[in-house]
PDB file of N, CA and C in Angstrom:
ATOM      1  N   UNK A   1      -8.758 -18.501  11.055  1.00  0.00           N
ATOM      2  CA  UNK A   1      -8.188 -17.418  10.276  1.00  0.00           C
ATOM      3  C   UNK A   1      -7.060 -16.776  11.076  1.00  0.00           C
ATOM      4  N   UNK A   2      -5.995 -16.491  10.376  1.00  0.00           N
ATOM      5  CA  UNK A   2      -4.850 -15.840  10.998  1.00  0.00           C
ATOM      6  C   UNK A   2      -5.206 -14.399  11.367  1.00  0.00           C
ATOM      7  N   UNK A   3      -4.578 -13.925  12.410  1.00  0.00           N
ATOM      8  CA  UNK A   3      -4.819 -12.536  12.771  1.00  0.00           C
ATOM      9  C   UNK A   3      -3.889 -11.624  11.967  1.00  0.00           C
ATOM     10  N   UNK A   4      -4.044 -10.353  12.177  1.00  0.00           N
ATOM     11  CA  UNK A   4      -3.316  -9.354  11.398  1.00  0.00           C
ATOM     12  C   UNK A   4      -1.804  -9.502  11.565  1.00  0.00           C
ATOM     13  N   UNK A   5      -1.352  -9.713  12.760  1.00  0.00           N
ATOM     14  CA  UNK A   5       0.078  -9.833  13.033  1.00  0.00           C
ATOM     15  C   UNK A   5       0.675 -11.051  12.319  1.00  0.00           C
ATOM     16  N   UNK A   6      -0.025 -12.188  12.387  1.00  0.00           N
ATOM     17  CA  UNK A   6       0.468 -13.396  11.732  1.00  0.00           C
ATOM     18  C   UNK A   6       0.470 -13.246  10.216  1.00  0.00           C
ATOM     19  N   UNK A   7      -0.526 -12.576   9.685  1.00  0.00           N
ATOM     20  CA  UNK A   7      -0.602 -12.355   8.251  1.00  0.00           C
ATOM     21  C   UNK A   7       0.551 -11.462   7.784  1.00  0.00           C
ATOM     22  N   UNK A   8       0.866 -10.427   8.545  1.00  0.00           N
ATOM     23  CA  UNK A   8       2.005  -9.567   8.212  1.00  0.00           C
ATOM     24  C   UNK A   8       3.317 -10.355   8.274  1.00  0.00           C
ATOM     25  N   UNK A   9       3.450 -11.187   9.280  1.00  0.00           N
ATOM     26  CA  UNK A   9       4.654 -12.004   9.432  1.00  0.00           C
ATOM     27  C   UNK A   9       4.797 -12.966   8.255  1.00  0.00           C
ATOM     28  N   UNK A  10       3.706 -13.620   7.882  1.00  0.00           N
ATOM     29  CA  UNK A  10       3.736 -14.540   6.747  1.00  0.00           C
ATOM     30  C   UNK A  10       4.089 -13.811   5.452  1.00  0.00           C
ATOM     31  N   UNK A  11       3.508 -12.642   5.262  1.00  0.00           N
ATOM     32  CA  UNK A  11       3.806 -11.839   4.072  1.00  0.00           C
ATOM     33  C   UNK A  11       5.290 -11.493   4.031  1.00  0.00           C
ATOM     34  N   UNK A  12       5.832 -11.087   5.156  1.00  0.00           N
ATOM     35  CA  UNK A  12       7.245 -10.748   5.228  1.00  0.00           C
ATOM     36  C   UNK A  12       8.123 -11.944   4.886  1.00  0.00           C
ATOM     37  N   UNK A  13       7.803 -13.110   5.437  1.00  0.00           N
ATOM     38  CA  UNK A  13       8.589 -14.313   5.166  1.00  0.00           C
ATOM     39  C   UNK A  13       8.508 -14.707   3.694  1.00  0.00           C
ATOM     40  N   UNK A  14       7.306 -14.715   3.146  1.00  0.00           N
ATOM     41  CA  UNK A  14       7.117 -15.172   1.769  1.00  0.00           C
ATOM     42  C   UNK A  14       7.835 -14.256   0.784  1.00  0.00           C
ATOM     43  N   UNK A  15       7.587 -12.967   0.880  1.00  0.00           N
ATOM     44  CA  UNK A  15       8.220 -12.042  -0.061  1.00  0.00           C
ATOM     45  C   UNK A  15       9.727 -11.972   0.178  1.00  0.00           C
ATOM     46  N   UNK A  16      10.148 -12.079   1.418  1.00  0.00           N
ATOM     47  CA  UNK A  16      11.574 -12.105   1.730  1.00  0.00           C
ATOM     48  C   UNK A  16      12.263 -13.313   1.130  1.00  0.00           C
ATOM     49  N   UNK A  17      11.611 -14.468   1.192  1.00  0.00           N
ATOM     50  CA  UNK A  17      12.178 -15.676   0.604  1.00  0.00           C
ATOM     51  C   UNK A  17      12.272 -15.573  -0.917  1.00  0.00           C
ATOM     52  N   UNK A  18      11.279 -14.963  -1.531  1.00  0.00           N
ATOM     53  CA  UNK A  18      11.305 -14.789  -2.986  1.00  0.00           C
ATOM     54  C   UNK A  18      12.451 -13.856  -3.384  1.00  0.00           C
ATOM     55  N   UNK A  19      12.620 -12.771  -2.651  1.00  0.00           N
ATOM     56  CA  UNK A  19      13.710 -11.836  -2.934  1.00  0.00           C
ATOM     57  C   UNK A  19      15.057 -12.520  -2.730  1.00  0.00           C
ATOM     58  N   UNK A  20      15.168 -13.273  -1.660  1.00  0.00           N
ATOM     59  CA  UNK A  20      16.416 -13.991  -1.382  1.00  0.00           C
ATOM     60  C   UNK A  20      16.733 -14.991  -2.491  1.00  0.00           C
ATOM     61  N   UNK A  21      15.729 -15.702  -2.963  1.00  0.00           N
ATOM     62  CA  UNK A  21      15.941 -16.673  -4.040  1.00  0.00           C
ATOM     63  C   UNK A  21      16.388 -15.974  -5.327  1.00  0.00           C
ATOM     64  N   UNK A  22      15.850 -14.806  -5.596  1.00  0.00           N
ATOM     65  CA  UNK A  22      16.261 -14.056  -6.792  1.00  0.00           C
ATOM     66  C   UNK A  22      17.724 -13.636  -6.673  1.00  0.00           C
ATOM     67  N   UNK A  23      18.132 -13.193  -5.503  1.00  0.00           N
ATOM     68  CA  UNK A  23      19.534 -12.807  -5.308  1.00  0.00           C
ATOM     69  C   UNK A  23      20.463 -14.015  -5.357  1.00  0.00           C
ATOM     70  N   UNK A  24      20.017 -15.137  -4.843  1.00  0.00           N
ATOM     71  CA  UNK A  24      20.822 -16.359  -4.928  1.00  0.00           C
ATOM     72  C   UNK A  24      21.001 -16.763  -6.390  1.00  0.00           C
ATOM     73  N   UNK A  25      19.950 -16.596  -7.183  1.00  0.00           N
ATOM     74  CA  UNK A  25      20.056 -16.889  -8.622  1.00  0.00           C
ATOM     75  C   UNK A  25      21.103 -15.992  -9.265  1.00  0.00           C
ATOM     76  N   UNK A  26      21.123 -14.727  -8.885  1.00  0.00           N
ATOM     77  CA  UNK A  26      22.107 -13.801  -9.443  1.00  0.00           C
ATOM     78  C   UNK A  26      23.537 -14.209  -9.061  1.00  0.00           C
ATOM     79  N   UNK A  27      23.718 -14.631  -7.837  1.00  0.00           N
ATOM     80  CA  UNK A  27      25.047 -15.038  -7.378  1.00  0.00           C
ATOM     81  C   UNK A  27      25.476 -16.335  -8.059  1.00  0.00           C
ATOM     82  N   UNK A  28      24.535 -17.258  -8.212  1.00  0.00           N
ATOM     83  CA  UNK A  28      24.852 -18.552  -8.817  1.00  0.00           C
ATOM     84  C   UNK A  28      25.098 -18.439 -10.318  1.00  0.00           C
ATOM     85  N   UNK A  29      24.544 -17.411 -10.946  1.00  0.00           N
ATOM     86  CA  UNK A  29      24.686 -17.221 -12.394  1.00  0.00           C
ATOM     87  C   UNK A  29      25.204 -15.812 -12.682  1.00  0.00           C
ATOM     88  N   UNK A  30      26.484 -15.562 -12.390  1.00  0.00           N
ATOM     89  CA  UNK A  30      26.994 -14.192 -12.537  1.00  0.00           C
ATOM     90  C   UNK A  30      27.032 -13.694 -13.987  1.00  0.00           C
ATOM     91  N   UNK A  31      27.114 -14.609 -14.931  1.00  0.00           N
ATOM     92  CA  UNK A  31      27.190 -14.190 -16.331  1.00  0.00           C
ATOM     93  C   UNK A  31      25.817 -13.979 -16.965  1.00  0.00           C
ATOM     94  N   UNK A  32      24.775 -14.397 -16.299  1.00  0.00           N
ATOM     95  CA  UNK A  32      23.415 -14.266 -16.831  1.00  0.00           C
ATOM     96  C   UNK A  32      22.927 -12.815 -16.714  1.00  0.00           C
ATOM     97  N   UNK A  33      21.935 -12.490 -17.517  1.00  0.00           N
ATOM     98  CA  UNK A  33      21.313 -11.165 -17.457  1.00  0.00           C
ATOM     99  C   UNK A  33      20.453 -11.092 -16.187  1.00  0.00           C
ATOM    100  N   UNK A  34      20.736 -10.118 -15.362  1.00  0.00           N
ATOM    101  CA  UNK A  34      20.053 -10.012 -14.078  1.00  0.00           C
ATOM    102  C   UNK A  34      18.798  -9.148 -14.126  1.00  0.00           C
ATOM    103  N   UNK A  35      18.427  -8.666 -15.283  1.00  0.00           N
ATOM    104  CA  UNK A  35      17.274  -7.774 -15.360  1.00  0.00           C
ATOM    105  C   UNK A  35      15.971  -8.497 -14.989  1.00  0.00           C
ATOM    106  N   UNK A  36      15.852  -9.779 -15.361  1.00  0.00           N
ATOM    107  CA  UNK A  36      14.624 -10.520 -15.027  1.00  0.00           C
ATOM    108  C   UNK A  36      14.520 -10.776 -13.529  1.00  0.00           C
ATOM    109  N   UNK A  37      15.630 -11.127 -12.907  1.00  0.00           N
ATOM    110  CA  UNK A  37      15.575 -11.373 -11.462  1.00  0.00           C
ATOM    111  C   UNK A  37      15.370 -10.065 -10.698  1.00  0.00           C
ATOM    112  N   UNK A  38      15.914  -8.968 -11.196  1.00  0.00           N
ATOM    113  CA  UNK A  38      15.673  -7.660 -10.568  1.00  0.00           C
ATOM    114  C   UNK A  38      14.198  -7.265 -10.698  1.00  0.00           C
ATOM    115  N   UNK A  39      13.588  -7.616 -11.831  1.00  0.00           N
ATOM    116  CA  UNK A  39      12.161  -7.330 -12.018  1.00  0.00           C
ATOM    117  C   UNK A  39      11.322  -8.121 -11.014  1.00  0.00           C
ATOM    118  N   UNK A  40      11.731  -9.352 -10.740  1.00  0.00           N
ATOM    119  CA  UNK A  40      11.016 -10.171  -9.750  1.00  0.00           C
ATOM    120  C   UNK A  40      11.149  -9.556  -8.360  1.00  0.00           C
ATOM    121  N   UNK A  41      12.342  -9.073  -8.028  1.00  0.00           N
ATOM    122  CA  UNK A  41      12.554  -8.409  -6.736  1.00  0.00           C
ATOM    123  C   UNK A  41      11.667  -7.171  -6.630  1.00  0.00           C
ATOM    124  N   UNK A  42      11.627  -6.384  -7.704  1.00  0.00           N
ATOM    125  CA  UNK A  42      10.788  -5.177  -7.702  1.00  0.00           C
ATOM    126  C   UNK A  42       9.315  -5.519  -7.530  1.00  0.00           C
ATOM    127  N   UNK A  43       8.857  -6.577  -8.209  1.00  0.00           N
ATOM    128  CA  UNK A  43       7.455  -7.001  -8.072  1.00  0.00           C
ATOM    129  C   UNK A  43       7.167  -7.456  -6.646  1.00  0.00           C
ATOM    130  N   UNK A  44       8.097  -8.197  -6.051  1.00  0.00           N
ATOM    131  CA  UNK A  44       7.902  -8.683  -4.676  1.00  0.00           C
ATOM    132  C   UNK A  44       7.774  -7.510  -3.712  1.00  0.00           C
ATOM    133  N   UNK A  45       8.603  -6.483  -3.907  1.00  0.00           N
ATOM    134  CA  UNK A  45       8.533  -5.304  -3.043  1.00  0.00           C
ATOM    135  C   UNK A  45       7.216  -4.559  -3.249  1.00  0.00           C
ATOM    136  N   UNK A  46       6.776  -4.447  -4.504  1.00  0.00           N
ATOM    137  CA  UNK A  46       5.494  -3.794  -4.785  1.00  0.00           C
ATOM    138  C   UNK A  46       4.338  -4.565  -4.151  1.00  0.00           C
ATOM    139  N   UNK A  47       4.366  -5.892  -4.275  1.00  0.00           N
ATOM    140  CA  UNK A  47       3.318  -6.716  -3.666  1.00  0.00           C
ATOM    141  C   UNK A  47       3.327  -6.556  -2.144  1.00  0.00           C
ATOM    142  N   UNK A  48       4.508  -6.549  -1.565  1.00  0.00           N
ATOM    143  CA  UNK A  48       4.618  -6.392  -0.116  1.00  0.00           C
ATOM    144  C   UNK A  48       3.969  -5.085   0.320  1.00  0.00           C
ATOM    145  N   UNK A  49       4.334  -3.995  -0.332  1.00  0.00           N
ATOM    146  CA  UNK A  49       3.774  -2.686   0.029  1.00  0.00           C
ATOM    147  C   UNK A  49       2.254  -2.664  -0.144  1.00  0.00           C
ATOM    148  N   UNK A  50       1.785  -3.252  -1.240  1.00  0.00           N
ATOM    149  CA  UNK A  50       0.342  -3.282  -1.528  1.00  0.00           C
ATOM    150  C   UNK A  50      -0.411  -4.057  -0.445  1.00  0.00           C
ATOM    151  N   UNK A  51       0.113  -5.225  -0.089  1.00  0.00           N
ATOM    152  CA  UNK A  51      -0.601  -6.066   0.874  1.00  0.00           C
ATOM    153  C   UNK A  51      -0.503  -5.546   2.303  1.00  0.00           C
ATOM    154  N   UNK A  52       0.570  -4.878   2.654  1.00  0.00           N
ATOM    155  CA  UNK A  52       0.632  -4.255   3.980  1.00  0.00           C
ATOM    156  C   UNK A  52      -0.473  -3.213   4.093  1.00  0.00           C
ATOM    157  N   UNK A  53      -0.664  -2.449   3.028  1.00  0.00           N
ATOM    158  CA  UNK A  53      -1.739  -1.449   3.014  1.00  0.00           C
ATOM    159  C   UNK A  53      -3.100  -2.129   3.141  1.00  0.00           C
ATOM    160  N   UNK A  54      -3.295  -3.229   2.400  1.00  0.00           N
ATOM    161  CA  UNK A  54      -4.577  -3.952   2.459  1.00  0.00           C
ATOM    162  C   UNK A  54      -4.827  -4.541   3.848  1.00  0.00           C
ATOM    163  N   UNK A  55      -3.786  -5.080   4.460  1.00  0.00           N
ATOM    164  CA  UNK A  55      -3.934  -5.679   5.790  1.00  0.00           C
ATOM    165  C   UNK A  55      -4.303  -4.613   6.815  1.00  0.00           C
ATOM    166  N   UNK A  56      -3.740  -3.422   6.680  1.00  0.00           N
ATOM    167  CA  UNK A  56      -3.967  -2.355   7.660  1.00  0.00           C
ATOM    168  C   UNK A  56      -5.254  -1.567   7.435  1.00  0.00           C
ATOM    169  N   UNK A  57      -6.014  -1.884   6.394  1.00  0.00           N
ATOM    170  CA  UNK A  57      -7.280  -1.180   6.169  1.00  0.00           C
ATOM    171  C   UNK A  57      -8.194  -1.372   7.368  1.00  0.00           C
ATOM    172  N   UNK A  58      -8.756  -0.304   7.842  1.00  0.00           N
ATOM    173  CA  UNK A  58      -9.619  -0.371   9.015  1.00  0.00           C
ATOM    174  C   UNK A  58     -11.093  -0.323   8.658  1.00  0.00           C
ATOM    175  N   UNK A  59     -11.421   0.292   7.555  1.00  0.00           N
ATOM    176  CA  UNK A  59     -12.826   0.488   7.210  1.00  0.00           C
ATOM    177  C   UNK A  59     -13.315  -0.616   6.269  1.00  0.00           C
ATOM    178  N   UNK A  60     -13.378  -1.817   6.802  1.00  0.00           N
ATOM    179  CA  UNK A  60     -13.930  -2.950   6.058  1.00  0.00           C
ATOM    180  C   UNK A  60     -15.116  -3.487   6.848  1.00  0.00           C
ATOM    181  N   UNK A  61     -16.093  -4.015   6.137  1.00  0.00           N
ATOM    182  CA  UNK A  61     -17.296  -4.490   6.817  1.00  0.00           C
ATOM    183  C   UNK A  61     -17.035  -5.747   7.630  1.00  0.00           C
ATOM    184  N   UNK A  62     -16.419  -6.742   7.003  1.00  0.00           N
ATOM    185  CA  UNK A  62     -16.172  -8.016   7.676  1.00  0.00           C
ATOM    186  C   UNK A  62     -14.662  -8.232   7.717  1.00  0.00           C
ATOM    187  N   UNK A  63     -14.050  -7.960   8.850  1.00  0.00           N
ATOM    188  CA  UNK A  63     -12.589  -8.013   8.985  1.00  0.00           C
ATOM    189  C   UNK A  63     -12.040  -9.403   8.698  1.00  0.00           C
ATOM    190  N   UNK A  64     -12.697 -10.432   9.185  1.00  0.00           N
ATOM    191  CA  UNK A  64     -12.233 -11.804   8.977  1.00  0.00           C
ATOM    192  C   UNK A  64     -12.248 -12.192   7.517  1.00  0.00           C
ATOM    193  N   UNK A  65     -13.328 -11.876   6.821  1.00  0.00           N
ATOM    194  CA  UNK A  65     -13.429 -12.195   5.399  1.00  0.00           C
ATOM    195  C   UNK A  65     -12.405 -11.397   4.592  1.00  0.00           C
ATOM    196  N   UNK A  66     -12.198 -10.157   4.981  1.00  0.00           N
ATOM    197  CA  UNK A  66     -11.220  -9.307   4.297  1.00  0.00           C
ATOM    198  C   UNK A  66      -9.818  -9.902   4.416  1.00  0.00           C
ATOM    199  N   UNK A  67      -9.423 -10.281   5.633  1.00  0.00           N
ATOM    200  CA  UNK A  67      -8.091 -10.845   5.832  1.00  0.00           C
ATOM    201  C   UNK A  67      -7.944 -12.192   5.143  1.00  0.00           C
ATOM    202  N   UNK A  68      -9.012 -12.954   5.113  1.00  0.00           N
ATOM    203  CA  UNK A  68      -8.970 -14.244   4.416  1.00  0.00           C
ATOM    204  C   UNK A  68      -8.745 -14.034   2.925  1.00  0.00           C
ATOM    205  N   UNK A  69      -9.420 -13.042   2.344  1.00  0.00           N
ATOM    206  CA  UNK A  69      -9.243 -12.738   0.931  1.00  0.00           C
ATOM    207  C   UNK A  69      -7.833 -12.217   0.655  1.00  0.00           C
ATOM    208  N   UNK A  70      -7.306 -11.389   1.533  1.00  0.00           N
ATOM    209  CA  UNK A  70      -5.941 -10.883   1.380  1.00  0.00           C
ATOM    210  C   UNK A  70      -4.958 -12.048   1.425  1.00  0.00           C
ATOM    211  N   UNK A  71      -5.165 -12.983   2.333  1.00  0.00           N
ATOM    212  CA  UNK A  71      -4.306 -14.158   2.443  1.00  0.00           C
ATOM    213  C   UNK A  71      -4.315 -14.965   1.147  1.00  0.00           C
ATOM    214  N   UNK A  72      -5.489 -15.156   0.560  1.00  0.00           N
ATOM    215  CA  UNK A  72      -5.594 -15.887  -0.702  1.00  0.00           C
ATOM    216  C   UNK A  72      -4.903 -15.138  -1.832  1.00  0.00           C
ATOM    217  N   UNK A  73      -5.040 -13.827  -1.852  1.00  0.00           N
ATOM    218  CA  UNK A  73      -4.389 -13.012  -2.884  1.00  0.00           C
ATOM    219  C   UNK A  73      -2.870 -13.066  -2.750  1.00  0.00           C
ATOM    220  N   UNK A  74      -2.377 -13.039  -1.530  1.00  0.00           N
ATOM    221  CA  UNK A  74      -0.937 -13.136  -1.292  1.00  0.00           C
ATOM    222  C   UNK A  74      -0.420 -14.464  -1.827  1.00  0.00           C
ATOM    223  N   UNK A  75      -1.139 -15.529  -1.517  1.00  0.00           N
ATOM    224  CA  UNK A  75      -0.732 -16.854  -1.964  1.00  0.00           C
ATOM    225  C   UNK A  75      -0.707 -16.939  -3.487  1.00  0.00           C
ATOM    226  N   UNK A  76      -1.715 -16.374  -4.138  1.00  0.00           N
ATOM    227  CA  UNK A  76      -1.789 -16.401  -5.607  1.00  0.00           C
ATOM    228  C   UNK A  76      -0.624 -15.632  -6.224  1.00  0.00           C
ATOM    229  N   UNK A  77      -0.355 -14.448  -5.714  1.00  0.00           N
ATOM    230  CA  UNK A  77       0.727 -13.626  -6.258  1.00  0.00           C
ATOM    231  C   UNK A  77       2.096 -14.238  -5.956  1.00  0.00           C
ATOM    232  N   UNK A  78       2.254 -14.836  -4.793  1.00  0.00           N
ATOM    233  CA  UNK A  78       3.523 -15.471  -4.451  1.00  0.00           C
ATOM    234  C   UNK A  78       3.793 -16.656  -5.372  1.00  0.00           C
ATOM    235  N   UNK A  79       2.772 -17.435  -5.662  1.00  0.00           N
ATOM    236  CA  UNK A  79       2.948 -18.559  -6.577  1.00  0.00           C
ATOM    237  C   UNK A  79       3.348 -18.077  -7.973  1.00  0.00           C
ATOM    238  N   UNK A  80       2.764 -16.971  -8.412  1.00  0.00           N
ATOM    239  CA  UNK A  80       3.121 -16.424  -9.718  1.00  0.00           C
ATOM    240  C   UNK A  80       4.573 -15.963  -9.741  1.00  0.00           C
ATOM    241  N   UNK A  81       5.026 -15.319  -8.670  1.00  0.00           N
ATOM    242  CA  UNK A  81       6.423 -14.874  -8.597  1.00  0.00           C
ATOM    243  C   UNK A  81       7.373 -16.057  -8.551  1.00  0.00           C
ATOM    244  N   UNK A  82       6.996 -17.086  -7.834  1.00  0.00           N
ATOM    245  CA  UNK A  82       7.847 -18.297  -7.760  1.00  0.00           C
ATOM    246  C   UNK A  82       7.918 -18.967  -9.123  1.00  0.00           C
ATOM    247  N   UNK A  83       6.811 -18.984  -9.834  1.00  0.00           N
ATOM    248  CA  UNK A  83       6.802 -19.560 -11.181  1.00  0.00           C
ATOM    249  C   UNK A  83       7.751 -18.775 -12.094  1.00  0.00           C
ATOM    250  N   UNK A  84       7.728 -17.446 -12.015  1.00  0.00           N
ATOM    251  CA  UNK A  84       8.640 -16.615 -12.792  1.00  0.00           C
ATOM    252  C   UNK A  84      10.088 -16.898 -12.404  1.00  0.00           C
ATOM    253  N   UNK A  85      10.332 -17.036 -11.120  1.00  0.00           N
ATOM    254  CA  UNK A  85      11.678 -17.280 -10.624  1.00  0.00           C
ATOM    255  C   UNK A  85      12.200 -18.637 -11.093  1.00  0.00           C
ATOM    256  N   UNK A  86      11.336 -19.632 -11.090  1.00  0.00           N
ATOM    257  CA  UNK A  86      11.736 -20.962 -11.543  1.00  0.00           C
ATOM    258  C   UNK A  86      12.006 -21.004 -13.032  1.00  0.00           C
ATOM    259  N   UNK A  87      11.417 -20.081 -13.777  1.00  0.00           N
ATOM    260  CA  UNK A  87      11.615 -20.040 -15.223  1.00  0.00           C
ATOM    261  C   UNK A  87      12.963 -19.429 -15.604  1.00  0.00           C
ATOM    262  N   UNK A  88      13.648 -18.799 -14.666  1.00  0.00           N
ATOM    263  CA  UNK A  88      14.939 -18.178 -14.977  1.00  0.00           C
ATOM    264  C   UNK A  88      15.999 -19.212 -15.294  1.00  0.00           C
TER     265      UNK A  88
END
């Protein structure tokens, strides 16, 4: 299981890559409506803030299981955002 620092780093990379891909889509398609890609960016930022809070929780019974569950949730939400991004 990854430790807290690695999980934060992975979260930063994943959400950062999703945001970057949304902005690249906007640049590549200047005439397209950017509201959907902006919504994806907003969701990525909300997920980032939510998961940083979850990772930093101190009052959990089993720290390893908690971080493992957070990691799985991050992966699930990231896949959903990527699916939305690919649909643009």
